[in-house]
Amino acid sequence: MADDIPQDQTQTTETTNPTVPLTDLPPVVTPPAQPTPESPVISETPNIPNSPNSEPVVPATPEPQTQQPEQVPVTPPETQPPVSQPVLDIPALHYPFSGNFPVTFSFGQQSDNEDIKKKFQEWGIVGHNGLDFGLTAGNEVFACDSGKVIQSGDNGDFGTSITIQHSWGQSIYGHLQETKVKENDEIGVNKVIGLSGSSGAAFGEHLHFAINPNNPDLTNGYFGFIDPAPYLSLSSQKEEPKQETPPVEEQKPPEPVTPQPEVKQEPPKSEETQTPPIEEVPPPIKLEPEKPAEQPQIPQVSGEEIQKQVDEKFKIELNSRRQKANEARSQKKEDHLTKIFEWVRDKKVVTNEDVRDFLHVSQSTATNYLTLLT
């Protein structure tokens, strides 16, 4: 097809507009096409018409372009999502008692008592992991929420205690005098579960109340236990027994009434014939002045004597409680040693950790038990 073009036209074209080779053109940056199986491959060479009647098309001289460096896409580094604290979905809880009893030892509180400090070190906590309420022995203890009893009875340093599993976590009631529920019991609110006391490692009569939520933070210094105070807002009251209604008796149809004979009434007598009643005048009553009642003489006692009597009575009561507590601890210790001895006889080999988990006691207490048995 190129032979059909006149020679003079070819020369004129070469002198006026010199042809620039395609190889000298700067590269044209085109976005990469995504080929499909059915689409044909498009060539980068321009399509020049070969019609004999058309004049040759000379490509225009492109303006010089500065070659820009190739931009490499930068991917941002992967960032770890922030660690969010667990959300505690705990509802409003009932107080574990009925009435007004003050908090005698708050959550996280430290103590000047060396025995209590030693216990905190044995348990591995940085402070008090619950709330102590000043309940005297024999007061009724209620469940703070509905749930299922998973522990009831002797629980190491907690003494006689109860643990209830709720939908949001667990609640513990320690140092009881008596339990009124057993394991696997379903408990509702306002249900009496036990009586307060001073069992276990208690320094006086009180109720130890603690809560442990689901998925607890075991590194918070309290083995995952949290302060129950923000959630206690509902009162507790003992359930009244339901009164059975007596069966309703069938009503009998009324008996027919027999007509009574009419009684003829006599006409009233005239006023002249009616005699007025004679009014009886009571004899005069002589009133004598009452003598003042003789008041018993109360012996006067000085304040020093009263304080002395109170101190002596308090000392006697304190010694009696200490003696009872020592007897209870000695009996519990003998029971624990008997359990360990029977367990060792069956298992042959027992470690401190086994005894601690088996009896729910501290590490030092388990070591002392094994030392005595050895």
Protein backbone atom coordinates (compact mmCIF):
# COMPACT_ATOMS: atom_id res chain seq x y z
CA MET A 1 0.00 0.00 0.00
CA ALA A 2 2.90 2.40 0.56
CA ASP A 3 3.92 2.18 -3.19
CA ASP A 4 0.68 3.98 -4.22
CA ILE A 5 1.65 7.22 -2.50
CA PRO A 6 3.26 9.86 -4.87
CA GLN A 7 6.94 10.44 -4.40
CA ASP A 8 6.77 14.24 -4.24
CA GLN A 9 4.23 14.08 -1.48
CA THR A 10 6.47 11.76 0.48
CA GLN A 11 9.42 14.10 0.17
CA THR A 12 7.40 17.12 1.14
CA THR A 13 6.17 15.36 4.18
CA GLU A 14 9.67 14.42 5.22
CA THR A 15 11.01 17.99 4.86
CA THR A 16 8.20 19.84 6.52
CA ASN A 17 7.33 17.48 9.33
CA PRO A 18 10.06 15.00 10.08
CA THR A 19 8.78 11.71 11.26
CA VAL A 20 9.67 10.85 14.81
CA PRO A 21 10.30 7.17 15.38
CA LEU A 22 7.92 5.51 17.76
CA THR A 23 10.79 4.19 19.78
CA ASP A 24 11.84 7.73 20.78
CA LEU A 25 8.46 8.59 22.29
CA PRO A 26 8.23 8.63 26.09
CA PRO A 27 6.34 5.71 27.52
CA VAL A 28 2.64 6.29 27.90
CA VAL A 29 1.43 5.22 31.30
CA THR A 30 -1.85 3.42 30.94
CA PRO A 31 -3.75 1.65 33.69
CA PRO A 32 -3.35 -2.11 33.42
CA ALA A 33 -6.35 -3.71 31.85
CA GLN A 34 -7.79 -6.81 33.43
CA PRO A 35 -8.10 -9.30 30.57
CA THR A 36 -11.05 -11.60 30.52
CA PRO A 37 -11.10 -15.02 28.87
CA GLU A 38 -13.36 -13.79 26.06
CA SER A 39 -11.87 -10.26 25.44
CA PRO A 40 -9.12 -9.94 22.74
CA VAL A 41 -5.68 -8.62 23.59
CA ILE A 42 -5.37 -4.92 22.66
CA SER A 43 -2.05 -3.94 21.08
CA GLU A 44 -0.27 -0.75 22.12
CA THR A 45 0.68 0.04 18.45
CA PRO A 46 -1.56 2.83 16.97
CA ASN A 47 -3.89 1.76 14.14
CA ILE A 48 -2.79 3.83 11.02
CA PRO A 49 -5.29 3.77 8.10
CA ASN A 50 -3.92 2.34 4.81
CA SER A 51 -6.50 3.89 2.48
CA PRO A 52 -4.84 4.95 -0.84
CA ASN A 53 -6.87 8.19 -1.00
CA SER A 54 -5.98 9.40 2.45
CA GLU A 55 -2.95 11.40 3.31
CA PRO A 56 -0.44 9.87 5.66
CA VAL A 57 -1.00 10.79 9.25
CA VAL A 58 2.11 12.10 10.92
CA PRO A 59 2.14 11.80 14.71
CA ALA A 60 2.41 15.12 16.47
CA THR A 61 5.58 15.96 18.28
CA PRO A 62 4.88 15.39 21.97
CA GLU A 63 5.97 17.87 24.54
CA PRO A 64 8.90 16.75 26.64
CA GLN A 65 7.70 15.34 29.94
CA THR A 66 9.66 14.93 33.09
CA GLN A 67 9.70 11.34 34.15
CA GLN A 68 8.30 11.02 37.66
CA PRO A 69 9.55 8.31 39.94
CA GLU A 70 7.29 5.33 40.25
CA GLN A 71 5.09 5.60 43.33
CA VAL A 72 5.09 2.51 45.46
CA PRO A 73 1.89 2.07 47.50
CA VAL A 74 2.68 2.15 51.19
CA THR A 75 0.62 -0.16 53.38
CA PRO A 76 0.14 1.13 56.93
CA PRO A 77 1.48 -1.18 59.63
CA GLU A 78 -1.07 -3.40 61.31
CA THR A 79 -2.09 -1.99 64.65
CA GLN A 80 -3.23 -4.18 67.47
CA PRO A 81 -6.73 -3.36 68.72
CA PRO A 82 -6.72 -1.79 72.19
CA VAL A 83 -7.34 -4.21 75.03
CA SER A 84 -10.74 -3.34 76.46
CA GLN A 85 -11.62 -4.01 80.04
CA PRO A 86 -14.33 -6.63 80.54
CA VAL A 87 -17.83 -5.20 80.92
CA LEU A 88 -19.37 -6.32 84.23
CA ASP A 89 -23.05 -6.95 83.57
CA ILE A 90 -24.05 -7.19 87.24
CA PRO A 91 -27.64 -6.24 88.18
CA ALA A 92 -28.78 -4.49 91.35
CA LEU A 93 -28.24 -6.87 94.29
CA HIS A 94 -30.11 -7.42 97.56
CA TYR A 95 -28.42 -6.85 100.89
CA PRO A 96 -27.51 -10.23 102.44
CA PHE A 97 -29.43 -9.43 105.64
CA SER A 98 -32.60 -7.72 106.88
CA GLY A 99 -32.25 -4.62 109.05
CA ASN A 100 -29.49 -2.08 109.59
CA PHE A 101 -25.96 -3.39 110.19
CA PRO A 102 -22.88 -1.21 109.56
CA VAL A 103 -19.85 -2.09 107.44
CA THR A 104 -17.07 -2.94 109.89
CA PHE A 105 -14.34 -3.70 107.31
CA SER A 106 -14.61 -2.33 103.75
CA PHE A 107 -13.25 -3.68 100.46
CA GLY A 108 -9.50 -3.10 99.96
CA GLN A 109 -9.03 -1.85 103.53
CA GLN A 110 -5.77 -2.49 105.37
CA SER A 111 -5.53 -3.48 109.04
CA ASP A 112 -3.14 -2.74 111.88
CA ASN A 113 -3.75 -6.21 113.32
CA GLU A 114 -0.67 -8.35 112.70
CA ASP A 115 -2.75 -11.55 112.51
CA ILE A 116 -4.93 -10.09 109.77
CA LYS A 117 -1.85 -8.84 107.87
CA LYS A 118 -0.37 -12.33 108.09
CA LYS A 119 -3.57 -13.85 106.71
CA PHE A 120 -3.56 -11.43 103.76
CA GLN A 121 0.03 -12.50 102.97
CA GLU A 122 -0.92 -16.18 103.17
CA TRP A 123 -3.86 -15.68 100.84
CA GLY A 124 -1.78 -13.56 98.43
CA ILE A 125 -4.06 -10.50 98.41
CA VAL A 126 -3.15 -6.84 98.84
CA GLY A 127 -6.20 -5.94 100.96
CA HIS A 128 -9.62 -7.05 102.15
CA ASN A 129 -11.40 -8.82 99.27
CA GLY A 130 -15.00 -8.33 100.49
CA LEU A 131 -17.30 -6.45 102.84
CA ASP A 132 -17.67 -7.27 106.57
CA PHE A 133 -21.04 -6.42 108.12
CA GLY A 134 -21.43 -6.23 111.91
CA LEU A 135 -24.01 -9.03 112.26
CA THR A 136 -24.11 -10.71 115.66
CA ALA A 137 -24.40 -14.49 115.86
CA GLY A 138 -27.75 -16.00 114.89
CA ASN A 139 -28.95 -13.34 112.41
CA GLU A 140 -30.59 -14.58 109.22
CA VAL A 141 -28.49 -14.39 106.04
CA PHE A 142 -30.19 -13.97 102.65
CA ALA A 143 -29.07 -14.62 99.05
CA CYS A 144 -28.23 -11.41 97.18
CA ASP A 145 -29.70 -12.79 93.92
CA SER A 146 -31.27 -15.95 92.54
CA GLY A 147 -28.89 -18.76 91.62
CA LYS A 148 -27.65 -22.27 92.40
CA VAL A 149 -25.72 -23.36 95.51
CA ILE A 150 -22.33 -24.81 94.51
CA GLN A 151 -20.78 -24.99 98.02
CA SER A 152 -22.27 -25.25 101.50
CA GLY A 153 -20.42 -26.14 104.70
CA ASP A 154 -16.81 -26.08 105.89
CA ASN A 155 -14.62 -23.93 103.63
CA GLY A 156 -11.19 -23.54 105.26
CA ASP A 157 -10.44 -20.06 106.59
CA PHE A 158 -13.91 -18.92 105.49
CA GLY A 159 -15.29 -21.30 108.13
CA THR A 160 -18.84 -22.41 107.49
CA SER A 161 -19.69 -20.67 104.23
CA ILE A 162 -22.04 -20.76 101.23
CA THR A 163 -21.14 -20.07 97.58
CA ILE A 164 -23.91 -19.37 95.04
CA GLN A 165 -23.47 -19.37 91.24
CA HIS A 166 -25.46 -16.61 89.51
CA SER A 167 -25.84 -15.71 85.85
CA TRP A 168 -23.29 -12.88 86.28
CA GLY A 169 -20.79 -14.59 88.67
CA GLN A 170 -20.52 -15.95 92.22
CA SER A 171 -21.35 -14.63 95.71
CA ILE A 172 -19.77 -15.93 98.96
CA TYR A 173 -21.12 -15.71 102.52
CA GLY A 174 -18.42 -16.56 105.11
CA HIS A 175 -17.96 -17.21 108.86
CA LEU A 176 -21.52 -18.53 109.31
CA GLN A 177 -22.85 -20.30 112.36
CA GLU A 178 -25.20 -22.57 110.43
CA THR A 179 -26.28 -23.27 106.84
CA LYS A 180 -29.87 -23.89 105.80
CA VAL A 181 -29.23 -24.96 102.19
CA LYS A 182 -27.24 -27.70 100.50
CA GLU A 183 -25.38 -28.03 97.20
CA ASN A 184 -27.39 -27.96 93.95
CA ASP A 185 -30.29 -26.14 95.64
CA GLU A 186 -31.97 -23.49 93.48
CA ILE A 187 -32.18 -20.30 95.54
CA GLY A 188 -34.42 -17.27 95.02
CA VAL A 189 -34.26 -13.79 96.51
CA ASN A 190 -35.53 -13.27 100.06
CA LYS A 191 -34.58 -16.88 100.81
CA VAL A 192 -32.83 -17.51 104.16
CA ILE A 193 -29.67 -19.53 103.45
CA GLY A 194 -27.98 -19.54 106.88
CA LEU A 195 -27.26 -17.82 110.20
CA SER A 196 -24.34 -15.47 110.88
CA GLY A 197 -21.55 -16.41 113.30
CA SER A 198 -17.77 -16.34 113.76
CA SER A 199 -16.49 -19.63 112.32
CA GLY A 200 -13.16 -20.01 110.52
CA ALA A 201 -10.42 -17.38 110.65
CA ALA A 202 -12.75 -14.74 112.12
CA PHE A 203 -11.82 -12.15 114.72
CA GLY A 204 -15.31 -11.70 116.16
CA GLU A 205 -18.88 -12.19 115.01
CA HIS A 206 -19.62 -10.75 111.56
CA LEU A 207 -20.70 -11.66 108.01
CA HIS A 208 -18.08 -11.69 105.24
CA PHE A 209 -19.78 -10.98 101.86
CA ALA A 210 -17.85 -11.08 98.56
CA ILE A 211 -18.63 -11.30 94.82
CA ASN A 212 -16.55 -12.64 91.93
CA PRO A 213 -17.82 -11.78 88.40
CA ASN A 214 -17.63 -13.96 85.30
CA ASN A 215 -14.24 -13.74 83.50
CA PRO A 216 -12.55 -12.10 86.52
CA ASP A 217 -9.27 -10.16 86.38
CA LEU A 218 -7.05 -12.49 88.42
CA THR A 219 -4.23 -9.90 88.42
CA ASN A 220 -6.14 -7.16 90.29
CA GLY A 221 -4.58 -8.14 93.64
CA TYR A 222 -7.79 -9.69 95.04
CA PHE A 223 -7.95 -12.94 92.97
CA GLY A 224 -10.63 -11.37 90.75
CA PHE A 225 -12.97 -10.33 93.59
CA ILE A 226 -14.48 -6.83 93.24
CA ASP A 227 -16.16 -4.35 95.57
CA PRO A 228 -19.85 -5.32 96.10
CA ALA A 229 -20.84 -1.90 97.50
CA PRO A 230 -21.75 -0.22 94.15
CA TYR A 231 -24.23 -3.00 93.34
CA LEU A 232 -26.05 -3.33 96.72
CA SER A 233 -29.27 -1.29 96.57
CA LEU A 234 -32.20 -3.65 97.27
CA SER A 235 -33.47 -4.73 100.70
CA SER A 236 -34.14 -8.31 101.80
CA GLN A 237 -37.09 -9.65 103.74
CA LYS A 238 -38.01 -13.15 104.84
CA GLU A 239 -40.68 -14.84 102.77
CA GLU A 240 -43.97 -15.26 104.59
CA PRO A 241 -45.46 -18.76 104.38
CA LYS A 242 -48.40 -18.97 102.05
CA GLN A 243 -51.71 -19.37 103.84
CA GLU A 244 -53.90 -22.10 102.50
CA THR A 245 -57.44 -20.93 101.84
CA PRO A 246 -60.07 -23.25 103.33
CA PRO A 247 -62.38 -24.96 100.85
CA VAL A 248 -65.61 -23.10 100.17
CA GLU A 249 -68.62 -24.98 101.52
CA GLU A 250 -71.55 -25.46 99.26
CA GLN A 251 -74.38 -23.13 100.08
CA LYS A 252 -77.55 -24.91 100.95
CA PRO A 253 -80.81 -23.53 99.61
CA PRO A 254 -82.75 -21.52 102.20
CA GLU A 255 -85.37 -23.43 104.11
CA PRO A 256 -88.94 -22.39 103.51
CA VAL A 257 -90.23 -19.89 106.10
CA THR A 258 -93.44 -20.86 107.84
CA PRO A 259 -95.81 -17.93 108.27
CA GLN A 260 -96.31 -16.83 111.87
CA PRO A 261 -99.80 -16.04 113.14
CA GLU A 262 -100.56 -12.36 113.32
CA VAL A 263 -100.65 -10.85 116.80
CA LYS A 264 -103.21 -8.21 117.40
CA GLN A 265 -101.79 -5.12 118.95
CA GLU A 266 -103.81 -3.44 121.70
CA PRO A 267 -104.54 0.24 121.25
CA PRO A 268 -102.36 2.51 123.33
CA LYS A 269 -103.76 3.72 126.58
CA SER A 270 -104.60 7.33 127.08
CA GLU A 271 -102.18 9.68 128.82
CA GLU A 272 -104.41 9.88 131.87
CA THR A 273 -104.31 6.18 132.47
CA GLN A 274 -100.53 5.90 132.04
CA THR A 275 -98.68 6.29 135.37
CA PRO A 276 -95.31 8.08 135.09
CA PRO A 277 -92.34 6.03 136.24
CA ILE A 278 -90.92 6.87 139.65
CA GLU A 279 -87.31 8.02 139.40
CA GLU A 280 -85.07 6.54 142.04
CA VAL A 281 -82.59 9.01 143.49
CA PRO A 282 -79.21 7.34 144.19
CA PRO A 283 -77.67 8.01 147.57
CA PRO A 284 -74.87 10.61 147.63
CA ILE A 285 -71.38 9.24 147.12
CA LYS A 286 -68.61 10.49 149.34
CA LEU A 287 -65.32 10.78 147.52
CA GLU A 288 -62.18 10.51 149.57
CA PRO A 289 -58.84 11.73 148.19
CA GLU A 290 -56.67 8.90 146.85
CA LYS A 291 -53.47 8.27 148.65
CA PRO A 292 -50.38 8.45 146.46
CA ALA A 293 -48.89 5.05 145.67
CA GLU A 294 -45.66 4.39 147.40
CA GLN A 295 -42.81 4.19 144.86
CA PRO A 296 -40.09 1.61 145.48
CA GLN A 297 -36.80 3.10 146.36
CA ILE A 298 -34.15 2.45 143.71
CA PRO A 299 -30.68 2.03 145.09
CA GLN A 300 -28.31 4.56 143.62
CA VAL A 301 -25.24 3.09 141.90
CA SER A 302 -22.30 5.19 140.87
CA GLY A 303 -21.05 5.28 137.30
CA GLU A 304 -17.75 3.65 138.24
CA GLU A 305 -19.51 0.60 139.67
CA ILE A 306 -21.67 0.28 136.54
CA GLN A 307 -18.59 0.48 134.29
CA LYS A 308 -16.82 -2.06 136.43
CA GLN A 309 -19.73 -4.50 136.17
CA VAL A 310 -19.90 -3.99 132.39
CA ASP A 311 -16.15 -4.61 132.03
CA GLU A 312 -16.32 -7.80 134.10
CA LYS A 313 -19.29 -9.08 132.12
CA PHE A 314 -17.57 -8.25 128.82
CA LYS A 315 -14.38 -10.00 129.95
CA ILE A 316 -16.30 -13.14 130.93
CA GLU A 317 -18.16 -13.15 127.60
CA LEU A 318 -14.94 -12.61 125.63
CA ASN A 319 -13.18 -15.46 127.43
CA SER A 320 -16.15 -17.72 126.78
CA ARG A 321 -16.13 -16.91 123.07
CA ARG A 322 -12.39 -17.45 122.82
CA GLN A 323 -12.73 -20.83 124.51
CA LYS A 324 -15.51 -21.84 122.12
CA ALA A 325 -13.50 -20.64 119.11
CA ASN A 326 -10.42 -22.56 120.25
CA GLU A 327 -12.47 -25.71 120.79
CA ALA A 328 -14.03 -25.34 117.35
CA ARG A 329 -10.63 -24.83 115.73
CA SER A 330 -9.16 -27.83 117.52
CA GLN A 331 -12.08 -30.00 116.46
CA LYS A 332 -11.81 -28.77 112.87
CA LYS A 333 -8.08 -29.43 112.88
CA GLU A 334 -8.62 -33.00 114.06
CA ASP A 335 -11.28 -33.52 111.39
CA HIS A 336 -8.94 -32.20 108.70
CA LEU A 337 -6.09 -34.45 109.86
CA THR A 338 -8.42 -37.46 109.80
CA LYS A 339 -9.53 -36.61 106.24
CA ILE A 340 -5.92 -36.20 105.09
CA PHE A 341 -4.88 -39.48 106.75
CA GLU A 342 -7.67 -41.41 105.03
CA TRP A 343 -6.90 -39.68 101.74
CA VAL A 344 -3.16 -40.47 102.00
CA ARG A 345 -3.97 -44.10 102.77
CA ASP A 346 -5.93 -44.34 99.50
CA LYS A 347 -3.79 -42.10 97.28
CA LYS A 348 -0.34 -43.03 98.74
CA VAL A 349 1.28 -39.73 97.60
CA VAL A 350 -0.11 -36.31 98.55
CA THR A 351 1.45 -32.85 98.02
CA ASN A 352 0.84 -29.53 99.72
CA GLU A 353 -1.15 -28.32 96.73
CA ASP A 354 -3.40 -31.39 96.89
CA VAL A 355 -4.17 -30.75 100.57
CA ARG A 356 -4.76 -27.04 99.92
CA ASP A 357 -7.25 -27.71 97.11
CA PHE A 358 -8.88 -30.64 98.94
CA LEU A 359 -9.57 -28.75 102.19
CA HIS A 360 -9.75 -25.16 100.77
CA VAL A 361 -7.02 -23.92 103.14
CA SER A 362 -3.94 -21.78 102.67
CA GLN A 363 -0.54 -23.08 101.65
CA SER A 364 0.94 -22.66 105.13
CA THR A 365 -1.98 -24.47 106.77
CA ALA A 366 -1.60 -27.39 104.36
CA THR A 367 2.13 -27.55 105.16
CA ASN A 368 1.40 -27.61 108.89
CA TYR A 369 -1.08 -30.44 108.47
CA LEU A 370 1.40 -32.55 106.49
CA THR A 371 4.16 -31.78 109.03
CA LEU A 372 1.96 -33.01 111.90
CA LEU A 373 1.04 -36.18 110.01
CA THR A 374 4.68 -36.83 109.12
